[in-house]
């Protein structure tokens, strides 16, 4: 029987990849907005940051919803991959919410 290792690896780590993409994308967007030759010089606009955050949170919430059976009614027959996917989705959701907090307090570019 074929294992499909990379498919299982992506399933367990996809929420963490979403968190990493949100983190990198947020700070790249702020840097691009604050650079003198950027696409929007001046203070960073919060709407693109808010949209990026909402999309990332929605993806993690959908991934957590997909594995909700592993959180609520988990027993000894629940596979470890299901538990890992559910917990990484919750961890990534909290991480995205936490890393987006400083972005809301940026008033101007330094």
PDB file of N, CA and C in Angstrom:
ATOM      1  N   UNK A   1       0.828  -1.174   0.000  1.00  0.00           N
ATOM      2  CA  UNK A   1       0.000   0.000   0.000  1.00  0.00           C
ATOM      3  C   UNK A   1       0.880   1.248   0.000  1.00  0.00           C
ATOM      4  N   UNK A   2       0.467   2.230  -0.746  1.00  0.00           N
ATOM      5  CA  UNK A   2       1.247   3.453  -0.884  1.00  0.00           C
ATOM      6  C   UNK A   2       0.916   4.436   0.243  1.00  0.00           C
ATOM      7  N   UNK A   3       1.925   5.055   0.831  1.00  0.00           N
ATOM      8  CA  UNK A   3       1.770   5.892   2.014  1.00  0.00           C
ATOM      9  C   UNK A   3       1.331   7.320   1.718  1.00  0.00           C
ATOM     10  N   UNK A   4       1.807   7.924   0.653  1.00  0.00           N
ATOM     11  CA  UNK A   4       1.558   9.331   0.327  1.00  0.00           C
ATOM     12  C   UNK A   4       2.084  10.240   1.444  1.00  0.00           C
ATOM     13  N   UNK A   5       3.375  10.140   1.657  1.00  0.00           N
ATOM     14  CA  UNK A   5       4.031  10.856   2.751  1.00  0.00           C
ATOM     15  C   UNK A   5       3.863  12.364   2.634  1.00  0.00           C
ATOM     16  N   UNK A   6       4.120  12.919   1.462  1.00  0.00           N
ATOM     17  CA  UNK A   6       4.077  14.373   1.309  1.00  0.00           C
ATOM     18  C   UNK A   6       2.661  14.918   1.443  1.00  0.00           C
ATOM     19  N   UNK A   7       1.678  14.158   1.043  1.00  0.00           N
ATOM     20  CA  UNK A   7       0.290  14.575   1.217  1.00  0.00           C
ATOM     21  C   UNK A   7      -0.050  14.667   2.707  1.00  0.00           C
ATOM     22  N   UNK A   8       0.393  13.689   3.463  1.00  0.00           N
ATOM     23  CA  UNK A   8       0.155  13.708   4.905  1.00  0.00           C
ATOM     24  C   UNK A   8       0.959  14.822   5.576  1.00  0.00           C
ATOM     25  N   UNK A   9       2.164  15.048   5.098  1.00  0.00           N
ATOM     26  CA  UNK A   9       3.000  16.112   5.658  1.00  0.00           C
ATOM     27  C   UNK A   9       2.357  17.479   5.446  1.00  0.00           C
ATOM     28  N   UNK A  10       1.849  17.716   4.270  1.00  0.00           N
ATOM     29  CA  UNK A  10       1.190  18.989   3.970  1.00  0.00           C
ATOM     30  C   UNK A  10      -0.093  19.127   4.781  1.00  0.00           C
ATOM     31  N   UNK A  11      -0.825  18.043   4.941  1.00  0.00           N
ATOM     32  CA  UNK A  11      -2.061  18.088   5.708  1.00  0.00           C
ATOM     33  C   UNK A  11      -1.803  18.484   7.159  1.00  0.00           C
ATOM     34  N   UNK A  12      -0.726  18.012   7.720  1.00  0.00           N
ATOM     35  CA  UNK A  12      -0.416  18.327   9.105  1.00  0.00           C
ATOM     36  C   UNK A  12       0.213  19.687   9.309  1.00  0.00           C
ATOM     37  N   UNK A  13       0.887  20.203   8.290  1.00  0.00           N
ATOM     38  CA  UNK A  13       1.609  21.471   8.455  1.00  0.00           C
ATOM     39  C   UNK A  13       1.025  22.631   7.652  1.00  0.00           C
ATOM     40  N   UNK A  14      -0.029  22.429   6.912  1.00  0.00           N
ATOM     41  CA  UNK A  14      -0.602  23.501   6.097  1.00  0.00           C
ATOM     42  C   UNK A  14      -1.007  24.730   6.918  1.00  0.00           C
ATOM     43  N   UNK A  15      -1.628  24.571   8.082  1.00  0.00           N
ATOM     44  CA  UNK A  15      -1.942  25.778   8.855  1.00  0.00           C
ATOM     45  C   UNK A  15      -0.702  26.573   9.260  1.00  0.00           C
ATOM     46  N   UNK A  16       0.379  25.889   9.573  1.00  0.00           N
ATOM     47  CA  UNK A  16       1.605  26.592   9.932  1.00  0.00           C
ATOM     48  C   UNK A  16       2.196  27.311   8.725  1.00  0.00           C
ATOM     49  N   UNK A  17       2.031  26.746   7.544  1.00  0.00           N
ATOM     50  CA  UNK A  17       2.476  27.419   6.325  1.00  0.00           C
ATOM     51  C   UNK A  17       1.634  28.659   6.040  1.00  0.00           C
ATOM     52  N   UNK A  18       0.341  28.585   6.335  1.00  0.00           N
ATOM     53  CA  UNK A  18      -0.532  29.758   6.184  1.00  0.00           C
ATOM     54  C   UNK A  18      -0.095  30.855   7.149  1.00  0.00           C
ATOM     55  N   UNK A  19       0.228  30.475   8.373  1.00  0.00           N
ATOM     56  CA  UNK A  19       0.708  31.440   9.371  1.00  0.00           C
ATOM     57  C   UNK A  19       2.010  32.091   8.902  1.00  0.00           C
ATOM     58  N   UNK A  20       2.935  31.297   8.400  1.00  0.00           N
ATOM     59  CA  UNK A  20       4.205  31.832   7.914  1.00  0.00           C
ATOM     60  C   UNK A  20       3.989  32.763   6.724  1.00  0.00           C
ATOM     61  N   UNK A  21       3.096  32.397   5.821  1.00  0.00           N
ATOM     62  CA  UNK A  21       2.814  33.252   4.668  1.00  0.00           C
ATOM     63  C   UNK A  21       2.172  34.564   5.103  1.00  0.00           C
ATOM     64  N   UNK A  22       1.285  34.505   6.079  1.00  0.00           N
ATOM     65  CA  UNK A  22       0.664  35.730   6.594  1.00  0.00           C
ATOM     66  C   UNK A  22       1.699  36.624   7.262  1.00  0.00           C
ATOM     67  N   UNK A  23       2.566  36.032   8.065  1.00  0.00           N
ATOM     68  CA  UNK A  23       3.598  36.800   8.754  1.00  0.00           C
ATOM     69  C   UNK A  23       4.510  37.494   7.752  1.00  0.00           C
ATOM     70  N   UNK A  24       5.024  36.741   6.802  1.00  0.00           N
ATOM     71  CA  UNK A  24       5.928  37.310   5.805  1.00  0.00           C
ATOM     72  C   UNK A  24       5.212  38.335   4.929  1.00  0.00           C
ATOM     73  N   UNK A  25       4.013  37.987   4.489  1.00  0.00           N
ATOM     74  CA  UNK A  25       3.264  38.896   3.626  1.00  0.00           C
ATOM     75  C   UNK A  25       2.909  40.206   4.296  1.00  0.00           C
ATOM     76  N   UNK A  26       2.565  40.148   5.575  1.00  0.00           N
ATOM     77  CA  UNK A  26       2.205  41.366   6.303  1.00  0.00           C
ATOM     78  C   UNK A  26       3.382  42.320   6.398  1.00  0.00           C
ATOM     79  N   UNK A  27       4.526  41.795   6.759  1.00  0.00           N
ATOM     80  CA  UNK A  27       5.670  42.679   6.928  1.00  0.00           C
ATOM     81  C   UNK A  27       6.258  43.121   5.596  1.00  0.00           C
ATOM     82  N   UNK A  28       6.145  42.320   4.572  1.00  0.00           N
ATOM     83  CA  UNK A  28       6.564  42.754   3.233  1.00  0.00           C
ATOM     84  C   UNK A  28       5.628  43.852   2.734  1.00  0.00           C
ATOM     85  N   UNK A  29       4.347  43.714   2.990  1.00  0.00           N
ATOM     86  CA  UNK A  29       3.391  44.731   2.563  1.00  0.00           C
ATOM     87  C   UNK A  29       3.641  46.062   3.274  1.00  0.00           C
ATOM     88  N   UNK A  30       3.892  46.017   4.571  1.00  0.00           N
ATOM     89  CA  UNK A  30       4.189  47.257   5.304  1.00  0.00           C
ATOM     90  C   UNK A  30       5.490  47.869   4.810  1.00  0.00           C
ATOM     91  N   UNK A  31       6.495  47.042   4.557  1.00  0.00           N
ATOM     92  CA  UNK A  31       7.764  47.560   4.046  1.00  0.00           C
ATOM     93  C   UNK A  31       7.589  48.176   2.665  1.00  0.00           C
ATOM     94  N   UNK A  32       6.769  47.566   1.834  1.00  0.00           N
ATOM     95  CA  UNK A  32       6.534  48.109   0.496  1.00  0.00           C
ATOM     96  C   UNK A  32       5.757  49.418   0.561  1.00  0.00           C
ATOM     97  N   UNK A  33       4.862  49.534   1.521  1.00  0.00           N
ATOM     98  CA  UNK A  33       4.108  50.770   1.645  1.00  0.00           C
ATOM     99  C   UNK A  33       4.940  51.890   2.244  1.00  0.00           C
ATOM    100  N   UNK A  34       5.892  51.545   3.087  1.00  0.00           N
ATOM    101  CA  UNK A  34       6.685  52.574   3.772  1.00  0.00           C
ATOM    102  C   UNK A  34       7.954  52.964   3.029  1.00  0.00           C
ATOM    103  N   UNK A  35       8.339  52.258   2.008  1.00  0.00           N
ATOM    104  CA  UNK A  35       9.556  52.625   1.292  1.00  0.00           C
ATOM    105  C   UNK A  35       9.287  53.862   0.432  1.00  0.00           C
ATOM    106  N   UNK A  36      10.306  54.683   0.217  1.00  0.00           N
ATOM    107  CA  UNK A  36      10.110  55.902  -0.578  1.00  0.00           C
ATOM    108  C   UNK A  36       9.642  55.608  -2.008  1.00  0.00           C
ATOM    109  N   UNK A  37      10.089  54.515  -2.568  1.00  0.00           N
ATOM    110  CA  UNK A  37       9.689  54.176  -3.930  1.00  0.00           C
ATOM    111  C   UNK A  37       8.567  53.145  -3.929  1.00  0.00           C
ATOM    112  N   UNK A  38       7.916  52.975  -2.802  1.00  0.00           N
ATOM    113  CA  UNK A  38       6.862  51.967  -2.677  1.00  0.00           C
ATOM    114  C   UNK A  38       5.614  52.326  -3.455  1.00  0.00           C
ATOM    115  N   UNK A  39       4.699  51.398  -3.484  1.00  0.00           N
ATOM    116  CA  UNK A  39       3.492  51.633  -4.264  1.00  0.00           C
ATOM    117  C   UNK A  39       2.515  52.573  -3.556  1.00  0.00           C
ATOM    118  N   UNK A  40       2.671  52.759  -2.253  1.00  0.00           N
ATOM    119  CA  UNK A  40       1.813  53.683  -1.519  1.00  0.00           C
ATOM    120  C   UNK A  40       2.640  54.336  -0.414  1.00  0.00           C
ATOM    121  N   UNK A  41       3.462  55.330  -0.752  1.00  0.00           N
ATOM    122  CA  UNK A  41       4.274  55.960   0.288  1.00  0.00           C
ATOM    123  C   UNK A  41       3.395  56.662   1.319  1.00  0.00           C
ATOM    124  N   UNK A  42       3.972  56.845   2.470  1.00  0.00           N
ATOM    125  CA  UNK A  42       3.229  57.439   3.573  1.00  0.00           C
ATOM    126  C   UNK A  42       2.941  56.392   4.624  1.00  0.00           C
ATOM    127  N   UNK A  43       1.898  56.633   5.375  1.00  0.00           N
ATOM    128  CA  UNK A  43       1.570  55.670   6.424  1.00  0.00           C
ATOM    129  C   UNK A  43       0.989  54.399   5.797  1.00  0.00           C
ATOM    130  N   UNK A  44       1.211  53.268   6.427  1.00  0.00           N
ATOM    131  CA  UNK A  44       0.676  52.020   5.859  1.00  0.00           C
ATOM    132  C   UNK A  44      -0.844  51.985   5.935  1.00  0.00           C
ATOM    133  N   UNK A  45      -1.446  51.523   4.887  1.00  0.00           N
ATOM    134  CA  UNK A  45      -2.893  51.395   4.824  1.00  0.00           C
ATOM    135  C   UNK A  45      -3.298  50.091   5.506  1.00  0.00           C
ATOM    136  N   UNK A  46      -4.310  50.155   6.295  1.00  0.00           N
ATOM    137  CA  UNK A  46      -4.711  48.986   7.077  1.00  0.00           C
ATOM    138  C   UNK A  46      -5.647  48.046   6.333  1.00  0.00           C
ATOM    139  N   UNK A  47      -6.301  48.494   5.275  1.00  0.00           N
ATOM    140  CA  UNK A  47      -7.254  47.639   4.573  1.00  0.00           C
ATOM    141  C   UNK A  47      -6.588  46.404   3.957  1.00  0.00           C
ATOM    142  N   UNK A  48      -5.462  46.528   3.240  1.00  0.00           N
ATOM    143  CA  UNK A  48      -4.830  45.304   2.729  1.00  0.00           C
ATOM    144  C   UNK A  48      -4.361  44.372   3.840  1.00  0.00           C
ATOM    145  N   UNK A  49      -3.893  44.947   4.940  1.00  0.00           N
ATOM    146  CA  UNK A  49      -3.480  44.122   6.074  1.00  0.00           C
ATOM    147  C   UNK A  49      -4.670  43.412   6.691  1.00  0.00           C
ATOM    148  N   UNK A  50      -5.782  44.115   6.802  1.00  0.00           N
ATOM    149  CA  UNK A  50      -6.986  43.505   7.360  1.00  0.00           C
ATOM    150  C   UNK A  50      -7.499  42.382   6.463  1.00  0.00           C
ATOM    151  N   UNK A  51      -7.488  42.610   5.154  1.00  0.00           N
ATOM    152  CA  UNK A  51      -7.937  41.567   4.230  1.00  0.00           C
ATOM    153  C   UNK A  51      -7.036  40.346   4.290  1.00  0.00           C
ATOM    154  N   UNK A  52      -5.739  40.576   4.351  1.00  0.00           N
ATOM    155  CA  UNK A  52      -4.792  39.461   4.429  1.00  0.00           C
ATOM    156  C   UNK A  52      -5.009  38.666   5.716  1.00  0.00           C
ATOM    157  N   UNK A  53      -5.248  39.363   6.809  1.00  0.00           N
ATOM    158  CA  UNK A  53      -5.468  38.707   8.086  1.00  0.00           C
ATOM    159  C   UNK A  53      -6.776  37.931   8.092  1.00  0.00           C
ATOM    160  N   UNK A  54      -7.832  38.516   7.566  1.00  0.00           N
ATOM    161  CA  UNK A  54      -9.130  37.835   7.534  1.00  0.00           C
ATOM    162  C   UNK A  54      -9.063  36.589   6.657  1.00  0.00           C
ATOM    163  N   UNK A  55      -8.387  36.673   5.531  1.00  0.00           N
ATOM    164  CA  UNK A  55      -8.259  35.509   4.648  1.00  0.00           C
ATOM    165  C   UNK A  55      -7.462  34.402   5.328  1.00  0.00           C
ATOM    166  N   UNK A  56      -6.360  34.766   5.978  1.00  0.00           N
ATOM    167  CA  UNK A  56      -5.551  33.754   6.664  1.00  0.00           C
ATOM    168  C   UNK A  56      -6.318  33.124   7.818  1.00  0.00           C
ATOM    169  N   UNK A  57      -7.060  33.927   8.574  1.00  0.00           N
ATOM    170  CA  UNK A  57      -7.871  33.375   9.666  1.00  0.00           C
ATOM    171  C   UNK A  57      -8.979  32.475   9.131  1.00  0.00           C
ATOM    172  N   UNK A  58      -9.565  32.845   8.010  1.00  0.00           N
ATOM    173  CA  UNK A  58     -10.615  32.012   7.417  1.00  0.00           C
ATOM    174  C   UNK A  58     -10.066  30.678   6.933  1.00  0.00           C
ATOM    175  N   UNK A  59      -8.885  30.688   6.368  1.00  0.00           N
ATOM    176  CA  UNK A  59      -8.275  29.436   5.922  1.00  0.00           C
ATOM    177  C   UNK A  59      -8.000  28.519   7.113  1.00  0.00           C
ATOM    178  N   UNK A  60      -7.446  29.080   8.183  1.00  0.00           N
ATOM    179  CA  UNK A  60      -7.159  28.265   9.375  1.00  0.00           C
ATOM    180  C   UNK A  60      -8.443  27.789  10.038  1.00  0.00           C
ATOM    181  N   UNK A  61      -9.473  28.621  10.043  1.00  0.00           N
ATOM    182  CA  UNK A  61     -10.753  28.193  10.605  1.00  0.00           C
ATOM    183  C   UNK A  61     -11.366  27.066   9.767  1.00  0.00           C
ATOM    184  N   UNK A  62     -11.240  27.163   8.454  1.00  0.00           N
ATOM    185  CA  UNK A  62     -11.753  26.088   7.586  1.00  0.00           C
ATOM    186  C   UNK A  62     -10.977  24.789   7.800  1.00  0.00           C
ATOM    187  N   UNK A  63      -9.672  24.896   7.968  1.00  0.00           N
ATOM    188  CA  UNK A  63      -8.872  23.694   8.229  1.00  0.00           C
ATOM    189  C   UNK A  63      -9.216  23.085   9.585  1.00  0.00           C
ATOM    190  N   UNK A  64      -9.466  23.930  10.587  1.00  0.00           N
ATOM    191  CA  UNK A  64      -9.875  23.425  11.897  1.00  0.00           C
ATOM    192  C   UNK A  64     -11.269  22.802  11.818  1.00  0.00           C
ATOM    193  N   UNK A  65     -12.152  23.406  11.043  1.00  0.00           N
ATOM    194  CA  UNK A  65     -13.505  22.863  10.886  1.00  0.00           C
ATOM    195  C   UNK A  65     -13.458  21.507  10.192  1.00  0.00           C
ATOM    196  N   UNK A  66     -12.552  21.367   9.254  1.00  0.00           N
ATOM    197  CA  UNK A  66     -12.414  20.109   8.526  1.00  0.00           C
ATOM    198  C   UNK A  66     -11.968  18.973   9.452  1.00  0.00           C
ATOM    199  N   UNK A  67     -11.215  19.299  10.485  1.00  0.00           N
ATOM    200  CA  UNK A  67     -10.711  18.274  11.409  1.00  0.00           C
ATOM    201  C   UNK A  67     -11.379  18.369  12.777  1.00  0.00           C
ATOM    202  N   UNK A  68     -12.584  18.918  12.840  1.00  0.00           N
ATOM    203  CA  UNK A  68     -13.259  19.133  14.126  1.00  0.00           C
ATOM    204  C   UNK A  68     -13.553  17.845  14.875  1.00  0.00           C
ATOM    205  N   UNK A  69     -13.719  16.737  14.173  1.00  0.00           N
ATOM    206  CA  UNK A  69     -13.994  15.463  14.842  1.00  0.00           C
ATOM    207  C   UNK A  69     -12.812  15.015  15.696  1.00  0.00           C
ATOM    208  N   UNK A  70     -11.608  15.452  15.341  1.00  0.00           N
ATOM    209  CA  UNK A  70     -10.427  15.053  16.111  1.00  0.00           C
ATOM    210  C   UNK A  70     -10.331  15.821  17.424  1.00  0.00           C
ATOM    211  N   UNK A  71     -10.994  16.968  17.508  1.00  0.00           N
ATOM    212  CA  UNK A  71     -10.940  17.750  18.739  1.00  0.00           C
ATOM    213  C   UNK A  71     -12.062  17.390  19.704  1.00  0.00           C
ATOM    214  N   UNK A  72     -13.272  17.268  19.184  1.00  0.00           N
ATOM    215  CA  UNK A  72     -14.421  17.056  20.059  1.00  0.00           C
ATOM    216  C   UNK A  72     -14.564  15.637  20.560  1.00  0.00           C
ATOM    217  N   UNK A  73     -14.628  14.695  19.661  1.00  0.00           N
ATOM    218  CA  UNK A  73     -14.884  13.320  20.059  1.00  0.00           C
ATOM    219  C   UNK A  73     -13.689  12.426  19.860  1.00  0.00           C
ATOM    220  N   UNK A  74     -12.512  12.913  20.194  1.00  0.00           N
ATOM    221  CA  UNK A  74     -11.298  12.120  20.000  1.00  0.00           C
ATOM    222  C   UNK A  74     -11.258  10.969  21.002  1.00  0.00           C
ATOM    223  N   UNK A  75     -10.908   9.823  20.508  1.00  0.00           N
ATOM    224  CA  UNK A  75     -10.711   8.671  21.377  1.00  0.00           C
ATOM    225  C   UNK A  75      -9.424   7.979  20.955  1.00  0.00           C
ATOM    226  N   UNK A  76      -9.213   6.792  21.435  1.00  0.00           N
ATOM    227  CA  UNK A  76      -7.950   6.113  21.132  1.00  0.00           C
ATOM    228  C   UNK A  76      -7.863   5.657  19.679  1.00  0.00           C
ATOM    229  N   UNK A  77      -8.963   5.721  18.955  1.00  0.00           N
ATOM    230  CA  UNK A  77      -8.951   5.300  17.550  1.00  0.00           C
ATOM    231  C   UNK A  77      -8.755   6.467  16.587  1.00  0.00           C
ATOM    232  N   UNK A  78      -8.671   7.684  17.109  1.00  0.00           N
ATOM    233  CA  UNK A  78      -8.436   8.855  16.266  1.00  0.00           C
ATOM    234  C   UNK A  78      -6.972   8.874  15.859  1.00  0.00           C
ATOM    235  N   UNK A  79      -6.706   8.922  14.558  1.00  0.00           N
ATOM    236  CA  UNK A  79      -5.301   8.928  14.105  1.00  0.00           C
ATOM    237  C   UNK A  79      -4.544  10.169  14.590  1.00  0.00           C
ATOM    238  N   UNK A  80      -3.261   9.980  14.788  1.00  0.00           N
ATOM    239  CA  UNK A  80      -2.397  11.071  15.242  1.00  0.00           C
ATOM    240  C   UNK A  80      -2.379  12.217  14.238  1.00  0.00           C
ATOM    241  N   UNK A  81      -2.436  11.919  12.954  1.00  0.00           N
ATOM    242  CA  UNK A  81      -2.423  12.965  11.934  1.00  0.00           C
ATOM    243  C   UNK A  81      -3.643  13.863  12.060  1.00  0.00           C
ATOM    244  N   UNK A  82      -4.811  13.301  12.367  1.00  0.00           N
ATOM    245  CA  UNK A  82      -6.006  14.125  12.543  1.00  0.00           C
ATOM    246  C   UNK A  82      -5.862  15.054  13.741  1.00  0.00           C
ATOM    247  N   UNK A  83      -5.321  14.549  14.828  1.00  0.00           N
ATOM    248  CA  UNK A  83      -5.109  15.385  16.005  1.00  0.00           C
ATOM    249  C   UNK A  83      -4.078  16.475  15.724  1.00  0.00           C
ATOM    250  N   UNK A  84      -3.004  16.121  15.043  1.00  0.00           N
ATOM    251  CA  UNK A  84      -1.968  17.095  14.725  1.00  0.00           C
ATOM    252  C   UNK A  84      -2.504  18.176  13.791  1.00  0.00           C
ATOM    253  N   UNK A  85      -3.282  17.795  12.803  1.00  0.00           N
ATOM    254  CA  UNK A  85      -3.842  18.779  11.871  1.00  0.00           C
ATOM    255  C   UNK A  85      -4.796  19.724  12.594  1.00  0.00           C
ATOM    256  N   UNK A  86      -5.605  19.200  13.500  1.00  0.00           N
ATOM    257  CA  UNK A  86      -6.539  20.048  14.239  1.00  0.00           C
ATOM    258  C   UNK A  86      -5.797  20.999  15.177  1.00  0.00           C
ATOM    259  N   UNK A  87      -4.811  20.497  15.880  1.00  0.00           N
ATOM    260  CA  UNK A  87      -4.093  21.348  16.830  1.00  0.00           C
ATOM    261  C   UNK A  87      -3.209  22.379  16.133  1.00  0.00           C
ATOM    262  N   UNK A  88      -2.617  22.022  14.996  1.00  0.00           N
ATOM    263  CA  UNK A  88      -1.834  23.028  14.277  1.00  0.00           C
ATOM    264  C   UNK A  88      -2.739  24.093  13.673  1.00  0.00           C
ATOM    265  N   UNK A  89      -3.964  23.729  13.309  1.00  0.00           N
ATOM    266  CA  UNK A  89      -4.905  24.742  12.813  1.00  0.00           C
ATOM    267  C   UNK A  89      -5.259  25.726  13.920  1.00  0.00           C
ATOM    268  N   UNK A  90      -5.487  25.231  15.135  1.00  0.00           N
ATOM    269  CA  UNK A  90      -5.774  26.128  16.250  1.00  0.00           C
ATOM    270  C   UNK A  90      -4.557  26.976  16.622  1.00  0.00           C
ATOM    271  N   UNK A  91      -3.389  26.359  16.603  1.00  0.00           N
ATOM    272  CA  UNK A  91      -2.164  27.093  16.894  1.00  0.00           C
ATOM    273  C   UNK A  91      -1.923  28.188  15.865  1.00  0.00           C
ATOM    274  N   UNK A  92      -2.110  27.872  14.606  1.00  0.00           N
ATOM    275  CA  UNK A  92      -1.906  28.867  13.550  1.00  0.00           C
ATOM    276  C   UNK A  92      -2.940  29.984  13.639  1.00  0.00           C
ATOM    277  N   UNK A  93      -4.182  29.647  13.988  1.00  0.00           N
ATOM    278  CA  UNK A  93      -5.219  30.667  14.154  1.00  0.00           C
ATOM    279  C   UNK A  93      -4.819  31.653  15.246  1.00  0.00           C
ATOM    280  N   UNK A  94      -4.376  31.118  16.373  1.00  0.00           N
ATOM    281  CA  UNK A  94      -3.929  31.985  17.473  1.00  0.00           C
ATOM    282  C   UNK A  94      -2.682  32.771  17.077  1.00  0.00           C
ATOM    283  N   UNK A  95      -1.773  32.149  16.349  1.00  0.00           N
ATOM    284  CA  UNK A  95      -0.556  32.827  15.914  1.00  0.00           C
ATOM    285  C   UNK A  95      -0.836  33.952  14.948  1.00  0.00           C
ATOM    286  N   UNK A  96      -1.759  33.751  14.036  1.00  0.00           N
ATOM    287  CA  UNK A  96      -2.117  34.809  13.084  1.00  0.00           C
ATOM    288  C   UNK A  96      -2.771  35.966  13.814  1.00  0.00           C
ATOM    289  N   UNK A  97      -3.654  35.661  14.730  1.00  0.00           N
ATOM    290  CA  UNK A  97      -4.297  36.726  15.505  1.00  0.00           C
ATOM    291  C   UNK A  97      -3.264  37.487  16.329  1.00  0.00           C
ATOM    292  N   UNK A  98      -2.332  36.766  16.916  1.00  0.00           N
ATOM    293  CA  UNK A  98      -1.321  37.416  17.759  1.00  0.00           C
ATOM    294  C   UNK A  98      -0.340  38.252  16.934  1.00  0.00           C
ATOM    295  N   UNK A  99       0.118  37.742  15.801  1.00  0.00           N
ATOM    296  CA  UNK A  99       1.083  38.494  15.001  1.00  0.00           C
ATOM    297  C   UNK A  99       0.448  39.659  14.253  1.00  0.00           C
ATOM    298  N   UNK A 100      -0.876  39.682  14.150  1.00  0.00           N
ATOM    299  CA  UNK A 100      -1.510  40.822  13.485  1.00  0.00           C
ATOM    300  C   UNK A 100      -1.769  41.972  14.440  1.00  0.00           C
ATOM    301  N   UNK A 101      -1.649  41.765  15.732  1.00  0.00           N
ATOM    302  CA  UNK A 101      -1.907  42.827  16.706  1.00  0.00           C
ATOM    303  C   UNK A 101      -0.985  44.040  16.506  1.00  0.00           C
ATOM    304  N   UNK A 102       0.339  43.882  16.369  1.00  0.00           N
ATOM    305  CA  UNK A 102       1.176  45.079  16.178  1.00  0.00           C
ATOM    306  C   UNK A 102       0.861  45.846  14.896  1.00  0.00           C
ATOM    307  N   UNK A 103       0.332  45.171  13.911  1.00  0.00           N
ATOM    308  CA  UNK A 103       0.020  45.851  12.660  1.00  0.00           C
ATOM    309  C   UNK A 103      -1.101  46.876  12.827  1.00  0.00           C
ATOM    310  N   UNK A 104      -1.956  46.671  13.799  1.00  0.00           N
ATOM    311  CA  UNK A 104      -3.065  47.603  14.014  1.00  0.00           C
ATOM    312  C   UNK A 104      -2.600  48.880  14.717  1.00  0.00           C
ATOM    313  N   UNK A 105      -1.426  48.846  15.338  1.00  0.00           N
ATOM    314  CA  UNK A 105      -0.947  49.999  16.077  1.00  0.00           C
ATOM    315  C   UNK A 105       0.095  50.816  15.316  1.00  0.00           C
ATOM    316  N   UNK A 106       0.387  50.428  14.101  1.00  0.00           N
ATOM    317  CA  UNK A 106       1.341  51.184  13.303  1.00  0.00           C
ATOM    318  C   UNK A 106       0.637  52.432  12.780  1.00  0.00           C
ATOM    319  N   UNK A 107       1.111  53.582  13.243  1.00  0.00           N
ATOM    320  CA  UNK A 107       0.484  54.847  12.819  1.00  0.00           C
ATOM    321  C   UNK A 107       1.184  55.472  11.635  1.00  0.00           C
ATOM    322  N   UNK A 108       2.510  55.366  11.629  1.00  0.00           N
ATOM    323  CA  UNK A 108       3.250  55.987  10.542  1.00  0.00           C
ATOM    324  C   UNK A 108       4.527  55.205  10.299  1.00  0.00           C
ATOM    325  N   UNK A 109       5.126  55.473   9.191  1.00  0.00           N
ATOM    326  CA  UNK A 109       6.382  54.825   8.859  1.00  0.00           C
ATOM    327  C   UNK A 109       7.513  55.569   9.570  1.00  0.00           C
ATOM    328  N   UNK A 110       8.484  54.828  10.015  1.00  0.00           N
ATOM    329  CA  UNK A 110       9.611  55.438  10.744  1.00  0.00           C
ATOM    330  C   UNK A 110      10.601  56.051   9.785  1.00  0.00           C
TER     331      UNK A 110
END
